[in-house]
Structure formats: C-alpha cells, structure tokens
N, C-alpha and C. Protein backbone atom coordinates (compact mmCIF):
# COMPACT_ATOMS: atom_id res chain seq x y z
N MET A 1 0.84 -1.18 0.00
CA MET A 1 0.00 0.00 0.00
C MET A 1 0.88 1.24 0.00
N ILE A 2 0.52 2.20 -0.85
CA ILE A 2 1.29 3.43 -0.96
C ILE A 2 0.75 4.45 0.05
N ILE A 3 1.66 4.97 0.85
CA ILE A 3 1.35 5.99 1.84
C ILE A 3 1.91 7.31 1.33
N ASP A 4 1.10 8.38 1.43
CA ASP A 4 1.61 9.69 1.02
C ASP A 4 1.80 10.57 2.25
N LYS A 5 2.76 11.48 2.12
CA LYS A 5 3.10 12.38 3.22
C LYS A 5 3.36 13.76 2.65
N THR A 6 2.67 14.77 3.20
CA THR A 6 2.88 16.14 2.78
C THR A 6 4.25 16.61 3.24
N ILE A 7 4.97 17.26 2.33
CA ILE A 7 6.34 17.70 2.61
C ILE A 7 6.36 19.23 2.70
N ASN A 8 7.14 19.70 3.67
CA ASN A 8 7.39 21.13 3.79
C ASN A 8 8.89 21.31 4.03
N ILE A 9 9.32 22.52 4.19
CA ILE A 9 10.75 22.79 4.37
C ILE A 9 11.31 22.02 5.56
N GLY A 10 10.50 21.81 6.58
CA GLY A 10 10.97 21.16 7.79
C GLY A 10 11.15 19.66 7.69
N ASN A 11 10.52 18.99 6.72
CA ASN A 11 10.66 17.53 6.66
C ASN A 11 11.14 17.01 5.31
N VAL A 12 11.67 17.88 4.48
CA VAL A 12 12.26 17.45 3.21
C VAL A 12 13.57 16.72 3.52
N ASP A 13 13.92 15.72 2.69
CA ASP A 13 15.18 15.01 2.95
C ASP A 13 15.99 14.82 1.67
N ALA A 14 17.18 14.29 1.83
CA ALA A 14 18.13 14.14 0.73
C ALA A 14 17.62 13.21 -0.37
N ASN A 15 16.82 12.19 -0.03
CA ASN A 15 16.28 11.29 -1.05
C ASN A 15 15.37 12.04 -2.02
N MET A 16 14.57 12.95 -1.48
CA MET A 16 13.66 13.74 -2.33
C MET A 16 14.46 14.63 -3.27
N ARG A 17 15.45 15.29 -2.73
CA ARG A 17 16.28 16.17 -3.56
C ARG A 17 17.00 15.36 -4.64
N ARG A 18 17.55 14.22 -4.27
CA ARG A 18 18.28 13.37 -5.22
C ARG A 18 17.34 12.94 -6.37
N LEU A 19 16.13 12.50 -6.03
CA LEU A 19 15.19 12.09 -7.07
C LEU A 19 14.84 13.28 -7.97
N TYR A 20 14.54 14.41 -7.37
CA TYR A 20 14.20 15.61 -8.15
C TYR A 20 15.34 15.96 -9.11
N GLU A 21 16.57 15.95 -8.62
CA GLU A 21 17.69 16.39 -9.44
C GLU A 21 18.14 15.36 -10.46
N THR A 22 17.73 14.10 -10.31
CA THR A 22 18.10 13.08 -11.30
C THR A 22 16.96 12.73 -12.25
N ALA A 23 15.72 12.97 -11.86
CA ALA A 23 14.58 12.58 -12.69
C ALA A 23 14.26 13.61 -13.77
N PHE A 24 14.65 14.85 -13.54
CA PHE A 24 14.31 15.92 -14.48
C PHE A 24 15.58 16.55 -15.03
N PRO A 25 15.59 16.83 -16.34
CA PRO A 25 16.75 17.51 -16.91
C PRO A 25 16.99 18.85 -16.20
N THR A 26 18.24 19.23 -16.08
CA THR A 26 18.60 20.46 -15.38
C THR A 26 17.83 21.66 -15.88
N GLU A 27 17.64 21.74 -17.19
CA GLU A 27 16.94 22.91 -17.75
C GLU A 27 15.45 22.93 -17.40
N GLU A 28 14.92 21.84 -16.87
CA GLU A 28 13.52 21.79 -16.45
C GLU A 28 13.35 21.98 -14.95
N GLN A 29 14.45 22.06 -14.24
CA GLN A 29 14.40 22.17 -12.79
C GLN A 29 14.41 23.64 -12.35
N ILE A 30 13.63 23.91 -11.34
CA ILE A 30 13.78 25.15 -10.59
C ILE A 30 14.86 24.84 -9.57
N PRO A 31 15.84 25.70 -9.37
CA PRO A 31 16.87 25.39 -8.36
C PRO A 31 16.22 24.97 -7.03
N TRP A 32 16.79 23.95 -6.41
CA TRP A 32 16.21 23.31 -5.22
C TRP A 32 15.82 24.32 -4.15
N ASP A 33 16.72 25.23 -3.80
CA ASP A 33 16.41 26.20 -2.74
C ASP A 33 15.24 27.10 -3.14
N ASP A 34 15.19 27.49 -4.42
CA ASP A 34 14.06 28.29 -4.91
C ASP A 34 12.77 27.49 -4.83
N LEU A 35 12.84 26.21 -5.18
CA LEU A 35 11.67 25.35 -5.14
C LEU A 35 11.13 25.25 -3.72
N LEU A 36 12.01 25.06 -2.76
CA LEU A 36 11.57 24.97 -1.36
C LEU A 36 10.90 26.26 -0.91
N HIS A 37 11.43 27.39 -1.35
CA HIS A 37 10.80 28.68 -1.03
C HIS A 37 9.40 28.77 -1.66
N LEU A 38 9.27 28.29 -2.89
CA LEU A 38 7.98 28.35 -3.59
C LEU A 38 6.92 27.45 -2.95
N ILE A 39 7.36 26.39 -2.29
CA ILE A 39 6.39 25.49 -1.63
C ILE A 39 5.52 26.29 -0.68
N ASP A 40 6.14 27.19 0.07
CA ASP A 40 5.38 28.02 1.00
C ASP A 40 4.69 29.19 0.31
N SER A 41 5.44 29.94 -0.50
CA SER A 41 4.87 31.17 -1.06
C SER A 41 3.76 30.91 -2.08
N MET A 42 3.81 29.79 -2.80
CA MET A 42 2.78 29.48 -3.79
C MET A 42 1.77 28.46 -3.28
N ASN A 43 1.95 28.00 -2.06
CA ASN A 43 1.07 26.98 -1.51
C ASN A 43 1.08 25.71 -2.37
N LEU A 44 2.29 25.29 -2.77
CA LEU A 44 2.44 24.07 -3.57
C LEU A 44 2.18 22.85 -2.69
N ASP A 45 1.62 21.84 -3.29
CA ASP A 45 1.42 20.56 -2.61
C ASP A 45 2.57 19.64 -2.98
N PHE A 46 3.56 19.55 -2.11
CA PHE A 46 4.71 18.68 -2.29
C PHE A 46 4.42 17.42 -1.48
N THR A 47 4.31 16.29 -2.18
CA THR A 47 3.97 15.04 -1.52
C THR A 47 5.03 13.99 -1.83
N ALA A 48 5.44 13.26 -0.80
CA ALA A 48 6.35 12.13 -0.95
C ALA A 48 5.53 10.85 -0.77
N TYR A 49 5.94 9.79 -1.44
CA TYR A 49 5.22 8.51 -1.41
C TYR A 49 6.15 7.42 -0.89
N TYR A 50 5.56 6.52 -0.10
CA TYR A 50 6.32 5.47 0.56
C TYR A 50 5.58 4.13 0.47
N VAL A 51 6.36 3.05 0.42
CA VAL A 51 5.84 1.70 0.57
C VAL A 51 6.71 1.04 1.64
N ASP A 52 6.06 0.53 2.68
CA ASP A 52 6.78 -0.10 3.80
C ASP A 52 7.88 0.79 4.35
N GLY A 53 7.63 2.10 4.38
CA GLY A 53 8.60 3.04 4.93
C GLY A 53 9.68 3.47 3.97
N ASP A 54 9.73 2.86 2.77
CA ASP A 54 10.75 3.22 1.78
C ASP A 54 10.21 4.28 0.83
N PHE A 55 10.99 5.34 0.63
CA PHE A 55 10.64 6.42 -0.29
C PHE A 55 10.60 5.88 -1.72
N ILE A 56 9.50 6.15 -2.44
CA ILE A 56 9.36 5.62 -3.80
C ILE A 56 9.11 6.70 -4.86
N GLY A 57 8.69 7.92 -4.44
CA GLY A 57 8.42 8.93 -5.45
C GLY A 57 7.94 10.23 -4.84
N LEU A 58 7.71 11.19 -5.72
CA LEU A 58 7.24 12.50 -5.28
C LEU A 58 6.36 13.14 -6.34
N THR A 59 5.51 14.03 -5.88
CA THR A 59 4.74 14.90 -6.77
C THR A 59 4.75 16.30 -6.19
N ILE A 60 4.69 17.27 -7.08
CA ILE A 60 4.52 18.66 -6.67
C ILE A 60 3.40 19.21 -7.55
N VAL A 61 2.33 19.63 -6.89
CA VAL A 61 1.15 20.13 -7.60
C VAL A 61 0.96 21.59 -7.24
N CYS A 62 0.70 22.38 -8.26
CA CYS A 62 0.42 23.80 -8.08
C CYS A 62 -1.07 24.02 -8.32
N PRO A 63 -1.82 24.35 -7.25
CA PRO A 63 -3.24 24.63 -7.45
C PRO A 63 -3.40 26.03 -8.04
N CYS A 64 -3.62 26.08 -9.34
CA CYS A 64 -3.80 27.36 -10.04
C CYS A 64 -5.26 27.79 -9.95
N LYS A 65 -5.57 28.93 -10.55
CA LYS A 65 -6.93 29.48 -10.46
C LYS A 65 -7.99 28.54 -11.03
N LYS A 66 -7.72 27.97 -12.21
CA LYS A 66 -8.73 27.14 -12.87
C LYS A 66 -8.41 25.65 -12.89
N TYR A 67 -7.13 25.30 -12.69
CA TYR A 67 -6.69 23.93 -12.85
C TYR A 67 -5.72 23.56 -11.73
N ASN A 68 -5.51 22.29 -11.56
CA ASN A 68 -4.39 21.80 -10.75
C ASN A 68 -3.28 21.45 -11.73
N TRP A 69 -2.13 22.06 -11.56
CA TRP A 69 -1.00 21.83 -12.45
C TRP A 69 -0.08 20.83 -11.78
N ILE A 70 -0.01 19.63 -12.31
CA ILE A 70 0.91 18.62 -11.81
C ILE A 70 2.28 19.01 -12.36
N TRP A 71 3.02 19.64 -11.50
CA TRP A 71 4.24 20.30 -11.90
C TRP A 71 5.39 19.31 -12.03
N TYR A 72 5.58 18.50 -11.02
CA TYR A 72 6.62 17.47 -11.03
C TYR A 72 6.02 16.15 -10.55
N PHE A 73 6.40 15.08 -11.20
CA PHE A 73 5.95 13.73 -10.85
C PHE A 73 7.09 12.79 -11.18
N ALA A 74 7.63 12.12 -10.17
CA ALA A 74 8.76 11.22 -10.40
C ALA A 74 8.66 10.01 -9.49
N VAL A 75 9.08 8.88 -10.03
CA VAL A 75 9.18 7.62 -9.31
C VAL A 75 10.66 7.25 -9.30
N CYS A 76 11.13 6.69 -8.19
CA CYS A 76 12.53 6.27 -8.11
C CYS A 76 12.87 5.36 -9.28
N GLU A 77 14.02 5.58 -9.84
CA GLU A 77 14.40 4.91 -11.09
C GLU A 77 14.28 3.39 -11.03
N HIS A 78 14.70 2.77 -9.95
CA HIS A 78 14.67 1.30 -9.87
C HIS A 78 13.24 0.74 -9.78
N LEU A 79 12.24 1.61 -9.61
CA LEU A 79 10.85 1.17 -9.52
C LEU A 79 10.03 1.48 -10.78
N ARG A 80 10.63 2.16 -11.72
CA ARG A 80 9.89 2.53 -12.93
C ARG A 80 9.56 1.30 -13.75
N GLY A 81 8.38 1.35 -14.39
CA GLY A 81 7.94 0.24 -15.21
C GLY A 81 7.30 -0.90 -14.42
N LYS A 82 7.02 -0.67 -13.14
CA LYS A 82 6.46 -1.72 -12.28
C LYS A 82 5.06 -1.37 -11.77
N GLY A 83 4.44 -0.37 -12.38
CA GLY A 83 3.07 -0.01 -11.99
C GLY A 83 2.98 0.98 -10.84
N ILE A 84 4.11 1.35 -10.24
CA ILE A 84 4.11 2.29 -9.11
C ILE A 84 3.62 3.67 -9.56
N GLY A 85 4.12 4.12 -10.70
CA GLY A 85 3.72 5.44 -11.21
C GLY A 85 2.21 5.51 -11.44
N GLN A 86 1.66 4.45 -11.99
CA GLN A 86 0.21 4.41 -12.23
C GLN A 86 -0.55 4.47 -10.90
N GLN A 87 -0.07 3.76 -9.89
CA GLN A 87 -0.73 3.79 -8.58
C GLN A 87 -0.67 5.18 -7.96
N ILE A 88 0.50 5.81 -8.04
CA ILE A 88 0.63 7.16 -7.48
C ILE A 88 -0.27 8.13 -8.24
N LEU A 89 -0.26 8.04 -9.57
CA LEU A 89 -1.07 8.95 -10.37
C LEU A 89 -2.56 8.77 -10.07
N THR A 90 -3.00 7.53 -9.94
CA THR A 90 -4.40 7.25 -9.59
C THR A 90 -4.77 7.89 -8.26
N GLN A 91 -3.90 7.73 -7.27
CA GLN A 91 -4.11 8.31 -5.94
C GLN A 91 -4.14 9.84 -6.04
N LEU A 92 -3.23 10.41 -6.81
CA LEU A 92 -3.15 11.87 -6.97
C LEU A 92 -4.40 12.42 -7.65
N LEU A 93 -4.84 11.76 -8.72
CA LEU A 93 -6.02 12.24 -9.44
C LEU A 93 -7.29 12.13 -8.59
N LYS A 94 -7.34 11.14 -7.75
CA LYS A 94 -8.48 11.00 -6.84
C LYS A 94 -8.50 12.19 -5.86
N ARG A 95 -7.32 12.54 -5.34
CA ARG A 95 -7.22 13.67 -4.41
C ARG A 95 -7.62 14.99 -5.08
N TYR A 96 -7.30 15.12 -6.35
CA TYR A 96 -7.58 16.37 -7.08
C TYR A 96 -8.72 16.22 -8.08
N SER A 97 -9.73 15.47 -7.73
CA SER A 97 -10.82 15.19 -8.67
C SER A 97 -11.83 16.33 -8.80
N SER A 98 -11.75 17.34 -7.96
CA SER A 98 -12.74 18.41 -8.00
C SER A 98 -12.52 19.39 -9.16
N ARG A 99 -11.32 19.38 -9.74
CA ARG A 99 -11.02 20.26 -10.89
C ARG A 99 -10.20 19.49 -11.90
N SER A 100 -10.13 20.03 -13.10
CA SER A 100 -9.30 19.41 -14.13
C SER A 100 -7.83 19.54 -13.74
N ASN A 101 -7.05 18.57 -14.19
CA ASN A 101 -5.61 18.55 -13.91
C ASN A 101 -4.85 18.66 -15.22
N ILE A 102 -3.79 19.43 -15.18
CA ILE A 102 -2.94 19.57 -16.35
C ILE A 102 -1.51 19.22 -15.97
N LEU A 103 -0.74 18.88 -16.97
CA LEU A 103 0.71 18.73 -16.81
C LEU A 103 1.34 19.00 -18.15
N ASP A 104 2.59 19.44 -18.11
CA ASP A 104 3.31 19.62 -19.37
C ASP A 104 4.45 18.62 -19.42
N ILE A 105 4.62 18.05 -20.59
CA ILE A 105 5.69 17.08 -20.81
C ILE A 105 6.47 17.48 -22.06
N GLU A 106 7.69 16.97 -22.14
CA GLU A 106 8.48 17.20 -23.34
C GLU A 106 7.72 16.58 -24.52
N SER A 107 7.58 17.35 -25.57
CA SER A 107 6.81 16.88 -26.73
C SER A 107 7.44 15.64 -27.36
N PRO A 108 6.62 14.62 -27.58
CA PRO A 108 7.16 13.43 -28.27
C PRO A 108 7.40 13.70 -29.76
N GLU A 109 6.95 14.84 -30.25
CA GLU A 109 7.10 15.17 -31.67
C GLU A 109 8.40 15.92 -31.96
N GLN A 110 9.04 16.46 -30.93
CA GLN A 110 10.27 17.24 -31.12
C GLN A 110 11.45 16.31 -31.37
N THR A 111 12.31 16.66 -32.31
CA THR A 111 13.54 15.91 -32.55
C THR A 111 14.43 16.05 -31.32
N CYS A 112 14.90 14.92 -30.79
CA CYS A 112 15.65 14.93 -29.53
C CYS A 112 16.47 13.66 -29.41
N ASP A 113 17.26 13.54 -28.30
CA ASP A 113 18.06 12.33 -28.08
C ASP A 113 17.26 11.24 -27.36
N ASN A 114 16.08 11.54 -26.84
CA ASN A 114 15.31 10.52 -26.09
C ASN A 114 13.88 10.36 -26.61
N PRO A 115 13.70 10.12 -27.92
CA PRO A 115 12.34 10.06 -28.45
C PRO A 115 11.51 8.90 -27.88
N GLN A 116 12.14 7.75 -27.61
CA GLN A 116 11.38 6.62 -27.06
C GLN A 116 10.89 6.92 -25.65
N GLN A 117 11.74 7.53 -24.84
CA GLN A 117 11.35 7.87 -23.47
C GLN A 117 10.19 8.87 -23.49
N ARG A 118 10.29 9.86 -24.35
CA ARG A 118 9.20 10.84 -24.45
C ARG A 118 7.90 10.17 -24.90
N ARG A 119 7.96 9.28 -25.86
CA ARG A 119 6.77 8.59 -26.35
C ARG A 119 6.16 7.71 -25.26
N ARG A 120 7.00 6.99 -24.51
CA ARG A 120 6.49 6.15 -23.40
C ARG A 120 5.78 7.01 -22.36
N ARG A 121 6.38 8.15 -22.03
CA ARG A 121 5.78 9.03 -21.04
C ARG A 121 4.44 9.57 -21.55
N TYR A 122 4.40 9.99 -22.79
CA TYR A 122 3.17 10.51 -23.40
C TYR A 122 2.09 9.43 -23.38
N ASP A 123 2.44 8.22 -23.81
CA ASP A 123 1.48 7.12 -23.84
C ASP A 123 1.01 6.74 -22.44
N PHE A 124 1.91 6.80 -21.45
CA PHE A 124 1.55 6.52 -20.06
C PHE A 124 0.42 7.44 -19.61
N TYR A 125 0.56 8.72 -19.86
CA TYR A 125 -0.47 9.67 -19.43
C TYR A 125 -1.78 9.47 -20.19
N LEU A 126 -1.70 9.17 -21.48
CA LEU A 126 -2.93 8.91 -22.25
C LEU A 126 -3.65 7.68 -21.70
N ARG A 127 -2.90 6.62 -21.36
CA ARG A 127 -3.50 5.41 -20.79
C ARG A 127 -4.15 5.68 -19.43
N ASN A 128 -3.71 6.72 -18.77
CA ASN A 128 -4.18 7.02 -17.42
C ASN A 128 -5.13 8.21 -17.37
N GLY A 129 -5.86 8.44 -18.46
CA GLY A 129 -6.95 9.39 -18.43
C GLY A 129 -6.66 10.80 -18.89
N PHE A 130 -5.45 11.07 -19.33
CA PHE A 130 -5.13 12.40 -19.84
C PHE A 130 -5.37 12.44 -21.34
N ARG A 131 -5.51 13.64 -21.86
CA ARG A 131 -5.64 13.83 -23.31
C ARG A 131 -4.75 14.99 -23.72
N ASP A 132 -4.35 14.99 -24.96
CA ASP A 132 -3.50 16.05 -25.50
C ASP A 132 -4.37 17.27 -25.79
N THR A 133 -3.99 18.42 -25.26
CA THR A 133 -4.76 19.65 -25.51
C THR A 133 -4.31 20.34 -26.79
N HIS A 134 -3.22 19.89 -27.37
CA HIS A 134 -2.62 20.49 -28.57
C HIS A 134 -2.20 21.93 -28.30
N VAL A 135 -1.89 22.20 -27.04
CA VAL A 135 -1.34 23.49 -26.63
C VAL A 135 0.07 23.21 -26.16
N GLY A 136 0.98 24.08 -26.54
CA GLY A 136 2.36 23.88 -26.12
C GLY A 136 3.16 25.15 -26.24
N ARG A 137 4.39 25.05 -25.84
CA ARG A 137 5.29 26.19 -25.89
C ARG A 137 6.71 25.65 -25.82
N THR A 138 7.64 26.41 -26.34
CA THR A 138 9.05 26.05 -26.29
C THR A 138 9.77 26.97 -25.30
N PHE A 139 10.47 26.36 -24.34
CA PHE A 139 11.30 27.07 -23.38
C PHE A 139 12.70 26.47 -23.46
N GLN A 140 13.70 27.31 -23.55
CA GLN A 140 15.10 26.88 -23.55
C GLN A 140 15.34 25.72 -24.52
N GLY A 141 14.73 25.78 -25.70
CA GLY A 141 14.95 24.79 -26.73
C GLY A 141 14.15 23.50 -26.57
N ILE A 142 13.35 23.40 -25.51
CA ILE A 142 12.53 22.20 -25.30
C ILE A 142 11.07 22.56 -25.56
N THR A 143 10.43 21.77 -26.43
CA THR A 143 9.02 21.99 -26.72
C THR A 143 8.20 21.12 -25.78
N TYR A 144 7.24 21.76 -25.12
CA TYR A 144 6.36 21.07 -24.18
C TYR A 144 4.96 21.03 -24.74
N THR A 145 4.24 19.98 -24.41
CA THR A 145 2.83 19.88 -24.75
C THR A 145 2.05 19.71 -23.45
N ILE A 146 0.85 20.28 -23.42
CA ILE A 146 0.01 20.20 -22.23
C ILE A 146 -0.96 19.04 -22.39
N LEU A 147 -0.99 18.19 -21.38
CA LEU A 147 -1.97 17.12 -21.29
C LEU A 147 -2.94 17.47 -20.17
N MET A 148 -4.18 16.98 -20.29
CA MET A 148 -5.21 17.34 -19.33
C MET A 148 -6.10 16.16 -19.01
N SER A 149 -6.49 16.07 -17.74
CA SER A 149 -7.55 15.15 -17.33
C SER A 149 -8.73 16.00 -16.92
N GLY A 150 -9.91 15.53 -17.18
CA GLY A 150 -11.11 16.30 -16.88
C GLY A 150 -11.77 16.78 -18.15
N GLU A 151 -12.93 17.37 -17.98
CA GLU A 151 -13.76 17.75 -19.13
C GLU A 151 -13.50 19.16 -19.65
N ASP A 152 -12.77 19.99 -18.91
CA ASP A 152 -12.55 21.37 -19.32
C ASP A 152 -11.74 21.44 -20.60
N SER A 153 -11.70 22.63 -21.17
CA SER A 153 -10.83 22.86 -22.32
C SER A 153 -9.61 23.63 -21.82
N PHE A 154 -8.59 23.68 -22.64
CA PHE A 154 -7.36 24.37 -22.27
C PHE A 154 -6.82 25.05 -23.51
N THR A 155 -6.50 26.34 -23.38
CA THR A 155 -6.05 27.13 -24.52
C THR A 155 -4.66 27.70 -24.26
N GLN A 156 -4.09 28.28 -25.30
CA GLN A 156 -2.78 28.94 -25.15
C GLN A 156 -2.88 30.07 -24.13
N LEU A 157 -4.01 30.78 -24.10
CA LEU A 157 -4.20 31.85 -23.12
C LEU A 157 -4.19 31.29 -21.68
N ASP A 158 -4.79 30.12 -21.47
CA ASP A 158 -4.74 29.48 -20.15
C ASP A 158 -3.29 29.19 -19.76
N TYR A 159 -2.51 28.70 -20.72
CA TYR A 159 -1.10 28.41 -20.45
C TYR A 159 -0.35 29.70 -20.11
N ASP A 160 -0.60 30.75 -20.87
CA ASP A 160 0.04 32.04 -20.60
C ASP A 160 -0.32 32.54 -19.20
N ASP A 161 -1.57 32.37 -18.80
CA ASP A 161 -2.00 32.81 -17.46
C ASP A 161 -1.28 32.03 -16.37
N ILE A 162 -1.12 30.74 -16.57
CA ILE A 162 -0.43 29.91 -15.57
C ILE A 162 1.04 30.31 -15.46
N ILE A 163 1.68 30.54 -16.58
CA ILE A 163 3.09 30.95 -16.56
C ILE A 163 3.22 32.32 -15.90
N ALA A 164 2.29 33.23 -16.19
CA ALA A 164 2.32 34.56 -15.56
C ALA A 164 2.14 34.44 -14.04
N GLU A 165 1.26 33.53 -13.61
CA GLU A 165 1.07 33.31 -12.17
C GLU A 165 2.36 32.80 -11.54
N LEU A 166 3.02 31.84 -12.17
CA LEU A 166 4.30 31.34 -11.66
C LEU A 166 5.31 32.48 -11.59
N ARG A 167 5.41 33.27 -12.64
CA ARG A 167 6.41 34.34 -12.68
C ARG A 167 6.12 35.46 -11.70
N SER A 168 4.89 35.54 -11.20
CA SER A 168 4.61 36.54 -10.17
C SER A 168 5.27 36.12 -8.84
N PHE A 169 5.64 34.84 -8.73
CA PHE A 169 6.32 34.33 -7.53
C PHE A 169 7.81 34.09 -7.77
N TRP A 170 8.16 33.74 -9.02
CA TRP A 170 9.54 33.33 -9.31
C TRP A 170 9.85 33.59 -10.77
N THR A 171 11.03 34.16 -11.02
CA THR A 171 11.49 34.36 -12.38
C THR A 171 12.84 33.67 -12.54
N PRO A 172 12.99 32.84 -13.59
CA PRO A 172 14.28 32.17 -13.78
C PRO A 172 15.40 33.18 -13.94
N LYS A 173 16.58 32.80 -13.46
CA LYS A 173 17.75 33.68 -13.57
C LYS A 173 18.45 33.47 -14.89
C-alpha cells in the first residue's frame, strides 16, 4: 500500500532532492532552494510517497486558479515500469478530482536524443486518463505539450495565465 506524506521545508530530505535532481533535466528544474521557497509562497502541494517506509516517489502540484497543475511527478528509477507510477497517479487524481488537472511534458514530436522515453511518457499519461490539448510552448529549446484530465478545455491563453502566475512568484535567472 502506498502511503503519502505532505512535505514542507521542515521535513524534506536528501532522497527527495536526489530524485528531483536526477529525474528531471537540469533545464527543467527550478533550483532546489528556490523550489523549497515556492512550496510556502505558492502553496504548492509537495507530496512524498512510501511503501513499507521506503521512499518511492514524489509529486509537486500547483493549485492554479482554474486547474491543478501537476508540476513534477517522479518515481525512483529502480521502480519505474512496475506499476508504481500508475498507482501514485491514480491516488493523486483522486485527491484532485474536483477540478481538471494539467501537466506539461516534453513533446514526443520534437527531434531529440530521447524520443522513445518521451513517447512512453506521453502514452503513459494517455492510458491514465489524460488527453492532448494540442497546446504547447518552447522554453530553452525544449518543446512542451500540455496534457489534461477532466472535461474542461485548455487554450494557449490558459497556459500564458499559468506561466504569468508562476512568474509573479519566481522568475528564472
């Protein structure tokens, strides 16, 4: 059984930081100290997941005005491909079922060094109730596409509003 635990600055640990810094490309990461500051200032939901007391993954969700933005979602590397991610995502979507949920992923259509990984990730989310909104944007040479669960629609203007909300709290250096 997967147990979740809300994380704040006082109970974050090295395993969480290690997973965050290894699961996401550097150009997609907010610097760790900035991220910890944003947890409080933006009221982010940082959750760690455990099985039998062992850390297995993390999620960081940003409750925006109209949507819940699943900002970061990672499972420990040695557990990937074993259904853990699906279990965590199911649990997360149940918790956030009152509004539509969005997430952005590296576009599987962009020419890159990891096309199979991107396609697997895209297919994983489609299998788990998300759909492609056909909205995206390129940041630092990476093209992202927005996926959504729920019945709402999502437009480029919605994406711009979410990015503006983030930038009202934090601007990349």
